[in-house]
């Protein structure tokens, strides 16, 4: 249960890093595939820069063989609650 809870609270950078490591890419390799600098990848993964454009997120997702939605935190996938 603790594992699931940690997945729910992950931010985009943590999700990207987990996915990158799972597919066996270094930050340098991901930066080349996604056409972003290694510094940008590092800053996003560390949570220093969470202001990532949708275009950059698409490039990262494509480089990691997943969809953009796979890189979003669970809290961003939930439908909004209307009153």
PDB file of N, CA and C in Angstrom:
ATOM      1  N   UNK A   1       0.812  -1.193   0.000  1.00  0.00           N
ATOM      2  CA  UNK A   1       0.000   0.000   0.000  1.00  0.00           C
ATOM      3  C   UNK A   1       0.860   1.263   0.000  1.00  0.00           C
ATOM      4  N   UNK A   2       1.993   1.237   0.696  1.00  0.00           N
ATOM      5  CA  UNK A   2       2.880   2.386   0.724  1.00  0.00           C
ATOM      6  C   UNK A   2       3.395   2.679  -0.679  1.00  0.00           C
ATOM      7  N   UNK A   3       3.691   1.619  -1.449  1.00  0.00           N
ATOM      8  CA  UNK A   3       4.178   1.791  -2.815  1.00  0.00           C
ATOM      9  C   UNK A   3       3.154   2.533  -3.667  1.00  0.00           C
ATOM     10  N   UNK A   4       1.882   2.127  -3.596  1.00  0.00           N
ATOM     11  CA  UNK A   4       0.831   2.790  -4.364  1.00  0.00           C
ATOM     12  C   UNK A   4       0.671   4.233  -3.948  1.00  0.00           C
ATOM     13  N   UNK A   5       0.744   4.494  -2.671  1.00  0.00           N
ATOM     14  CA  UNK A   5       0.605   5.857  -2.183  1.00  0.00           C
ATOM     15  C   UNK A   5       1.729   6.729  -2.733  1.00  0.00           C
ATOM     16  N   UNK A   6       2.947   6.200  -2.798  1.00  0.00           N
ATOM     17  CA  UNK A   6       4.053   6.994  -3.316  1.00  0.00           C
ATOM     18  C   UNK A   6       3.878   7.282  -4.806  1.00  0.00           C
ATOM     19  N   UNK A   7       3.307   6.352  -5.557  1.00  0.00           N
ATOM     20  CA  UNK A   7       3.053   6.591  -6.980  1.00  0.00           C
ATOM     21  C   UNK A   7       2.038   7.712  -7.176  1.00  0.00           C
ATOM     22  N   UNK A   8       1.041   7.758  -6.324  1.00  0.00           N
ATOM     23  CA  UNK A   8      -0.004   8.771  -6.442  1.00  0.00           C
ATOM     24  C   UNK A   8       0.562  10.162  -6.203  1.00  0.00           C
ATOM     25  N   UNK A   9       1.546  10.284  -5.336  1.00  0.00           N
ATOM     26  CA  UNK A   9       2.075  11.588  -4.965  1.00  0.00           C
ATOM     27  C   UNK A   9       3.332  11.998  -5.749  1.00  0.00           C
ATOM     28  N   UNK A  10       3.700  11.240  -6.754  1.00  0.00           N
ATOM     29  CA  UNK A  10       4.877  11.576  -7.548  1.00  0.00           C
ATOM     30  C   UNK A  10       4.596  12.796  -8.423  1.00  0.00           C
ATOM     31  N   UNK A  11       5.642  13.598  -8.647  1.00  0.00           N
ATOM     32  CA  UNK A  11       5.479  14.714  -9.576  1.00  0.00           C
ATOM     33  C   UNK A  11       5.966  14.295 -10.964  1.00  0.00           C
ATOM     34  N   UNK A  12       5.793  15.158 -11.930  1.00  0.00           N
ATOM     35  CA  UNK A  12       6.150  14.834 -13.318  1.00  0.00           C
ATOM     36  C   UNK A  12       7.620  14.432 -13.433  1.00  0.00           C
ATOM     37  N   UNK A  13       8.491  15.163 -12.758  1.00  0.00           N
ATOM     38  CA  UNK A  13       9.914  14.857 -12.834  1.00  0.00           C
ATOM     39  C   UNK A  13      10.253  13.475 -12.319  1.00  0.00           C
ATOM     40  N   UNK A  14       9.644  13.092 -11.213  1.00  0.00           N
ATOM     41  CA  UNK A  14       9.885  11.763 -10.653  1.00  0.00           C
ATOM     42  C   UNK A  14       9.366  10.676 -11.590  1.00  0.00           C
ATOM     43  N   UNK A  15       8.236  10.936 -12.217  1.00  0.00           N
ATOM     44  CA  UNK A  15       7.649   9.972 -13.159  1.00  0.00           C
ATOM     45  C   UNK A  15       8.548   9.824 -14.385  1.00  0.00           C
ATOM     46  N   UNK A  16       9.022  10.947 -14.900  1.00  0.00           N
ATOM     47  CA  UNK A  16       9.919  10.908 -16.064  1.00  0.00           C
ATOM     48  C   UNK A  16      11.186  10.141 -15.723  1.00  0.00           C
ATOM     49  N   UNK A  17      11.772  10.421 -14.566  1.00  0.00           N
ATOM     50  CA  UNK A  17      13.004   9.731 -14.172  1.00  0.00           C
ATOM     51  C   UNK A  17      12.756   8.233 -14.041  1.00  0.00           C
ATOM     52  N   UNK A  18      11.678   7.852 -13.384  1.00  0.00           N
ATOM     53  CA  UNK A  18      11.374   6.425 -13.214  1.00  0.00           C
ATOM     54  C   UNK A  18      11.212   5.757 -14.580  1.00  0.00           C
ATOM     55  N   UNK A  19      10.505   6.409 -15.478  1.00  0.00           N
ATOM     56  CA  UNK A  19      10.289   5.845 -16.817  1.00  0.00           C
ATOM     57  C   UNK A  19      11.615   5.746 -17.576  1.00  0.00           C
ATOM     58  N   UNK A  20      12.429   6.812 -17.484  1.00  0.00           N
ATOM     59  CA  UNK A  20      13.727   6.836 -18.180  1.00  0.00           C
ATOM     60  C   UNK A  20      14.622   5.702 -17.701  1.00  0.00           C
ATOM     61  N   UNK A  21      14.707   5.520 -16.402  1.00  0.00           N
ATOM     62  CA  UNK A  21      15.536   4.461 -15.835  1.00  0.00           C
ATOM     63  C   UNK A  21      14.991   3.089 -16.242  1.00  0.00           C
ATOM     64  N   UNK A  22      13.671   2.948 -16.232  1.00  0.00           N
ATOM     65  CA  UNK A  22      13.044   1.675 -16.598  1.00  0.00           C
ATOM     66  C   UNK A  22      13.376   1.277 -18.037  1.00  0.00           C
ATOM     67  N   UNK A  23      13.382   2.251 -18.946  1.00  0.00           N
ATOM     68  CA  UNK A  23      13.689   1.919 -20.346  1.00  0.00           C
ATOM     69  C   UNK A  23      15.191   1.890 -20.616  1.00  0.00           C
ATOM     70  N   UNK A  24      15.996   2.241 -19.611  1.00  0.00           N
ATOM     71  CA  UNK A  24      17.443   2.102 -19.731  1.00  0.00           C
ATOM     72  C   UNK A  24      18.152   3.252 -20.416  1.00  0.00           C
ATOM     73  N   UNK A  25      17.618   4.450 -20.291  1.00  0.00           N
ATOM     74  CA  UNK A  25      18.259   5.619 -20.894  1.00  0.00           C
ATOM     75  C   UNK A  25      18.928   6.478 -19.834  1.00  0.00           C
ATOM     76  N   UNK A  26      20.049   7.084 -20.202  1.00  0.00           N
ATOM     77  CA  UNK A  26      20.664   8.094 -19.349  1.00  0.00           C
ATOM     78  C   UNK A  26      20.004   9.435 -19.650  1.00  0.00           C
ATOM     79  N   UNK A  27      20.267  10.427 -18.826  1.00  0.00           N
ATOM     80  CA  UNK A  27      19.748  11.763 -19.107  1.00  0.00           C
ATOM     81  C   UNK A  27      20.287  12.284 -20.440  1.00  0.00           C
ATOM     82  N   UNK A  28      21.538  12.003 -20.723  1.00  0.00           N
ATOM     83  CA  UNK A  28      22.149  12.453 -21.983  1.00  0.00           C
ATOM     84  C   UNK A  28      21.443  11.805 -23.171  1.00  0.00           C
ATOM     85  N   UNK A  29      21.184  10.503 -23.087  1.00  0.00           N
ATOM     86  CA  UNK A  29      20.491   9.805 -24.175  1.00  0.00           C
ATOM     87  C   UNK A  29      19.077  10.344 -24.364  1.00  0.00           C
ATOM     88  N   UNK A  30      18.373  10.577 -23.256  1.00  0.00           N
ATOM     89  CA  UNK A  30      17.021  11.132 -23.360  1.00  0.00           C
ATOM     90  C   UNK A  30      17.060  12.541 -23.936  1.00  0.00           C
ATOM     91  N   UNK A  31      18.047  13.311 -23.556  1.00  0.00           N
ATOM     92  CA  UNK A  31      18.131  14.672 -24.077  1.00  0.00           C
ATOM     93  C   UNK A  31      18.340  14.672 -25.594  1.00  0.00           C
ATOM     94  N   UNK A  32      19.153  13.767 -26.083  1.00  0.00           N
ATOM     95  CA  UNK A  32      19.376  13.681 -27.532  1.00  0.00           C
ATOM     96  C   UNK A  32      18.115  13.243 -28.257  1.00  0.00           C
ATOM     97  N   UNK A  33      17.421  12.253 -27.717  1.00  0.00           N
ATOM     98  CA  UNK A  33      16.207  11.749 -28.365  1.00  0.00           C
ATOM     99  C   UNK A  33      15.075  12.772 -28.334  1.00  0.00           C
ATOM    100  N   UNK A  34      14.990  13.527 -27.245  1.00  0.00           N
ATOM    101  CA  UNK A  34      13.876  14.461 -27.072  1.00  0.00           C
ATOM    102  C   UNK A  34      14.195  15.871 -27.562  1.00  0.00           C
ATOM    103  N   UNK A  35      15.457  16.096 -27.962  1.00  0.00           N
ATOM    104  CA  UNK A  35      15.908  17.401 -28.439  1.00  0.00           C
ATOM    105  C   UNK A  35      15.821  18.487 -27.358  1.00  0.00           C
ATOM    106  N   UNK A  36      15.994  18.060 -26.114  1.00  0.00           N
ATOM    107  CA  UNK A  36      16.099  18.973 -24.981  1.00  0.00           C
ATOM    108  C   UNK A  36      17.520  18.869 -24.442  1.00  0.00           C
ATOM    109  N   UNK A  37      17.965  19.871 -23.722  1.00  0.00           N
ATOM    110  CA  UNK A  37      19.307  19.779 -23.151  1.00  0.00           C
ATOM    111  C   UNK A  37      19.298  18.834 -21.949  1.00  0.00           C
ATOM    112  N   UNK A  38      20.454  18.278 -21.647  1.00  0.00           N
ATOM    113  CA  UNK A  38      20.578  17.415 -20.479  1.00  0.00           C
ATOM    114  C   UNK A  38      20.251  18.212 -19.222  1.00  0.00           C
ATOM    115  N   UNK A  39      20.600  19.481 -19.224  1.00  0.00           N
ATOM    116  CA  UNK A  39      20.303  20.349 -18.086  1.00  0.00           C
ATOM    117  C   UNK A  39      18.795  20.478 -17.868  1.00  0.00           C
ATOM    118  N   UNK A  40      18.036  20.634 -18.957  1.00  0.00           N
ATOM    119  CA  UNK A  40      16.574  20.709 -18.848  1.00  0.00           C
ATOM    120  C   UNK A  40      16.000  19.415 -18.279  1.00  0.00           C
ATOM    121  N   UNK A  41      16.473  18.281 -18.777  1.00  0.00           N
ATOM    122  CA  UNK A  41      16.016  16.981 -18.280  1.00  0.00           C
ATOM    123  C   UNK A  41      16.306  16.879 -16.790  1.00  0.00           C
ATOM    124  N   UNK A  42      17.513  17.229 -16.397  1.00  0.00           N
ATOM    125  CA  UNK A  42      17.917  17.159 -14.998  1.00  0.00           C
ATOM    126  C   UNK A  42      17.045  18.057 -14.120  1.00  0.00           C
ATOM    127  N   UNK A  43      16.803  19.279 -14.568  1.00  0.00           N
ATOM    128  CA  UNK A  43      15.997  20.220 -13.786  1.00  0.00           C
ATOM    129  C   UNK A  43      14.563  19.737 -13.620  1.00  0.00           C
ATOM    130  N   UNK A  44      13.996  19.157 -14.666  1.00  0.00           N
ATOM    131  CA  UNK A  44      12.630  18.632 -14.577  1.00  0.00           C
ATOM    132  C   UNK A  44      12.600  17.444 -13.624  1.00  0.00           C
ATOM    133  N   UNK A  45      13.547  16.524 -13.776  1.00  0.00           N
ATOM    134  CA  UNK A  45      13.584  15.341 -12.921  1.00  0.00           C
ATOM    135  C   UNK A  45      13.774  15.699 -11.446  1.00  0.00           C
ATOM    136  N   UNK A  46      14.543  16.735 -11.170  1.00  0.00           N
ATOM    137  CA  UNK A  46      14.804  17.142  -9.792  1.00  0.00           C
ATOM    138  C   UNK A  46      13.687  18.014  -9.218  1.00  0.00           C
ATOM    139  N   UNK A  47      12.742  18.411 -10.055  1.00  0.00           N
ATOM    140  CA  UNK A  47      11.666  19.267  -9.587  1.00  0.00           C
ATOM    141  C   UNK A  47      12.056  20.732  -9.498  1.00  0.00           C
ATOM    142  N   UNK A  48      13.229  21.069 -10.023  1.00  0.00           N
ATOM    143  CA  UNK A  48      13.687  22.463 -10.025  1.00  0.00           C
ATOM    144  C   UNK A  48      12.845  23.276 -11.000  1.00  0.00           C
ATOM    145  N   UNK A  49      12.524  22.662 -12.135  1.00  0.00           N
ATOM    146  CA  UNK A  49      11.711  23.325 -13.152  1.00  0.00           C
ATOM    147  C   UNK A  49      10.528  22.425 -13.485  1.00  0.00           C
ATOM    148  N   UNK A  50       9.374  22.724 -12.917  1.00  0.00           N
ATOM    149  CA  UNK A  50       8.171  21.946 -13.209  1.00  0.00           C
ATOM    150  C   UNK A  50       7.325  22.614 -14.284  1.00  0.00           C
ATOM    151  N   UNK A  51       7.801  23.732 -14.802  1.00  0.00           N
ATOM    152  CA  UNK A  51       7.080  24.476 -15.824  1.00  0.00           C
ATOM    153  C   UNK A  51       7.535  23.993 -17.205  1.00  0.00           C
ATOM    154  N   UNK A  52       7.086  22.794 -17.564  1.00  0.00           N
ATOM    155  CA  UNK A  52       7.487  22.182 -18.825  1.00  0.00           C
ATOM    156  C   UNK A  52       6.377  22.392 -19.856  1.00  0.00           C
ATOM    157  N   UNK A  53       6.766  22.728 -21.068  1.00  0.00           N
ATOM    158  CA  UNK A  53       5.755  22.964 -22.105  1.00  0.00           C
ATOM    159  C   UNK A  53       5.178  21.633 -22.579  1.00  0.00           C
ATOM    160  N   UNK A  54       3.992  21.697 -23.137  1.00  0.00           N
ATOM    161  CA  UNK A  54       3.355  20.487 -23.659  1.00  0.00           C
ATOM    162  C   UNK A  54       4.180  19.925 -24.817  1.00  0.00           C
ATOM    163  N   UNK A  55       4.793  20.792 -25.594  1.00  0.00           N
ATOM    164  CA  UNK A  55       5.649  20.327 -26.696  1.00  0.00           C
ATOM    165  C   UNK A  55       6.842  19.537 -26.196  1.00  0.00           C
ATOM    166  N   UNK A  56       7.493  20.052 -25.151  1.00  0.00           N
ATOM    167  CA  UNK A  56       8.633  19.332 -24.571  1.00  0.00           C
ATOM    168  C   UNK A  56       8.178  18.035 -23.923  1.00  0.00           C
ATOM    169  N   UNK A  57       7.020  18.069 -23.272  1.00  0.00           N
ATOM    170  CA  UNK A  57       6.494  16.855 -22.654  1.00  0.00           C
ATOM    171  C   UNK A  57       6.179  15.807 -23.721  1.00  0.00           C
ATOM    172  N   UNK A  58       5.654  16.230 -24.864  1.00  0.00           N
ATOM    173  CA  UNK A  58       5.396  15.305 -25.984  1.00  0.00           C
ATOM    174  C   UNK A  58       6.689  14.687 -26.484  1.00  0.00           C
ATOM    175  N   UNK A  59       7.735  15.507 -26.614  1.00  0.00           N
ATOM    176  CA  UNK A  59       9.030  14.993 -27.083  1.00  0.00           C
ATOM    177  C   UNK A  59       9.603  13.967 -26.109  1.00  0.00           C
ATOM    178  N   UNK A  60       9.475  14.239 -24.823  1.00  0.00           N
ATOM    179  CA  UNK A  60       9.964  13.299 -23.816  1.00  0.00           C
ATOM    180  C   UNK A  60       9.158  12.009 -23.871  1.00  0.00           C
ATOM    181  N   UNK A  61       7.828  12.140 -23.929  1.00  0.00           N
ATOM    182  CA  UNK A  61       6.966  10.949 -23.975  1.00  0.00           C
ATOM    183  C   UNK A  61       7.307  10.085 -25.190  1.00  0.00           C
ATOM    184  N   UNK A  62       7.463  10.714 -26.342  1.00  0.00           N
ATOM    185  CA  UNK A  62       7.804   9.970 -27.553  1.00  0.00           C
ATOM    186  C   UNK A  62       9.153   9.262 -27.390  1.00  0.00           C
ATOM    187  N   UNK A  63      10.099   9.934 -26.785  1.00  0.00           N
ATOM    188  CA  UNK A  63      11.423   9.358 -26.569  1.00  0.00           C
ATOM    189  C   UNK A  63      11.393   8.195 -25.578  1.00  0.00           C
ATOM    190  N   UNK A  64      10.405   8.211 -24.684  1.00  0.00           N
ATOM    191  CA  UNK A  64      10.272   7.150 -23.677  1.00  0.00           C
ATOM    192  C   UNK A  64       9.238   6.095 -24.094  1.00  0.00           C
ATOM    193  N   UNK A  65       8.769   6.201 -25.331  1.00  0.00           N
ATOM    194  CA  UNK A  65       7.783   5.242 -25.863  1.00  0.00           C
ATOM    195  C   UNK A  65       6.530   5.146 -24.996  1.00  0.00           C
ATOM    196  N   UNK A  66       5.989   6.302 -24.634  1.00  0.00           N
ATOM    197  CA  UNK A  66       4.758   6.327 -23.860  1.00  0.00           C
ATOM    198  C   UNK A  66       3.938   7.541 -24.286  1.00  0.00           C
ATOM    199  N   UNK A  67       2.773   7.673 -23.723  1.00  0.00           N
ATOM    200  CA  UNK A  67       1.943   8.837 -24.025  1.00  0.00           C
ATOM    201  C   UNK A  67       2.174   9.920 -22.975  1.00  0.00           C
ATOM    202  N   UNK A  68       1.791  11.127 -23.301  1.00  0.00           N
ATOM    203  CA  UNK A  68       1.931  12.238 -22.370  1.00  0.00           C
ATOM    204  C   UNK A  68       1.204  11.930 -21.067  1.00  0.00           C
ATOM    205  N   UNK A  69       0.025  11.356 -21.158  1.00  0.00           N
ATOM    206  CA  UNK A  69      -0.762  11.072 -19.950  1.00  0.00           C
ATOM    207  C   UNK A  69      -0.038  10.122 -19.009  1.00  0.00           C
ATOM    208  N   UNK A  70       0.817   9.252 -19.555  1.00  0.00           N
ATOM    209  CA  UNK A  70       1.591   8.339 -18.715  1.00  0.00           C
ATOM    210  C   UNK A  70       2.588   9.082 -17.832  1.00  0.00           C
ATOM    211  N   UNK A  71       2.937  10.300 -18.211  1.00  0.00           N
ATOM    212  CA  UNK A  71       3.920  11.080 -17.464  1.00  0.00           C
ATOM    213  C   UNK A  71       3.283  12.024 -16.448  1.00  0.00           C
ATOM    214  N   UNK A  72       1.953  12.081 -16.426  1.00  0.00           N
ATOM    215  CA  UNK A  72       1.262  12.976 -15.498  1.00  0.00           C
ATOM    216  C   UNK A  72       0.999  12.291 -14.167  1.00  0.00           C
ATOM    217  N   UNK A  73       1.067  13.059 -13.087  1.00  0.00           N
ATOM    218  CA  UNK A  73       0.723  12.504 -11.772  1.00  0.00           C
ATOM    219  C   UNK A  73      -0.737  12.053 -11.742  1.00  0.00           C
ATOM    220  N   UNK A  74      -1.027  11.066 -10.935  1.00  0.00           N
ATOM    221  CA  UNK A  74      -2.393  10.548 -10.822  1.00  0.00           C
ATOM    222  C   UNK A  74      -3.379  11.649 -10.464  1.00  0.00           C
ATOM    223  N   UNK A  75      -2.952  12.595  -9.640  1.00  0.00           N
ATOM    224  CA  UNK A  75      -3.842  13.682  -9.226  1.00  0.00           C
ATOM    225  C   UNK A  75      -4.262  14.551 -10.408  1.00  0.00           C
ATOM    226  N   UNK A  76      -3.466  14.604 -11.460  1.00  0.00           N
ATOM    227  CA  UNK A  76      -3.820  15.376 -12.656  1.00  0.00           C
ATOM    228  C   UNK A  76      -4.689  14.585 -13.617  1.00  0.00           C
ATOM    229  N   UNK A  77      -4.826  13.288 -13.392  1.00  0.00           N
ATOM    230  CA  UNK A  77      -5.643  12.444 -14.266  1.00  0.00           C
ATOM    231  C   UNK A  77      -7.081  12.346 -13.785  1.00  0.00           C
ATOM    232  N   UNK A  78      -7.327  12.678 -12.536  1.00  0.00           N
ATOM    233  CA  UNK A  78      -8.666  12.558 -11.980  1.00  0.00           C
ATOM    234  C   UNK A  78      -9.583  13.619 -12.583  1.00  0.00           C
ATOM    235  N   UNK A  79     -10.819  13.262 -12.883  1.00  0.00           N
ATOM    236  CA  UNK A  79     -11.742  14.257 -13.423  1.00  0.00           C
ATOM    237  C   UNK A  79     -12.039  15.321 -12.371  1.00  0.00           C
ATOM    238  N   UNK A  80     -12.271  16.545 -12.812  1.00  0.00           N
ATOM    239  CA  UNK A  80     -12.570  17.613 -11.847  1.00  0.00           C
ATOM    240  C   UNK A  80     -13.905  17.347 -11.154  1.00  0.00           C
ATOM    241  N   UNK A  81     -13.980  17.802  -9.919  1.00  0.00           N
ATOM    242  CA  UNK A  81     -15.217  17.664  -9.155  1.00  0.00           C
ATOM    243  C   UNK A  81     -16.031  18.939  -9.324  1.00  0.00           C
ATOM    244  N   UNK A  82     -17.247  18.778  -9.796  1.00  0.00           N
ATOM    245  CA  UNK A  82     -18.134  19.933  -9.982  1.00  0.00           C
ATOM    246  C   UNK A  82     -19.141  19.970  -8.849  1.00  0.00           C
ATOM    247  N   UNK A  83     -19.505  21.152  -8.466  1.00  0.00           N
ATOM    248  CA  UNK A  83     -20.514  21.308  -7.403  1.00  0.00           C
ATOM    249  C   UNK A  83     -21.793  21.812  -7.972  1.00  0.00           C
TER     250      UNK A  83
END
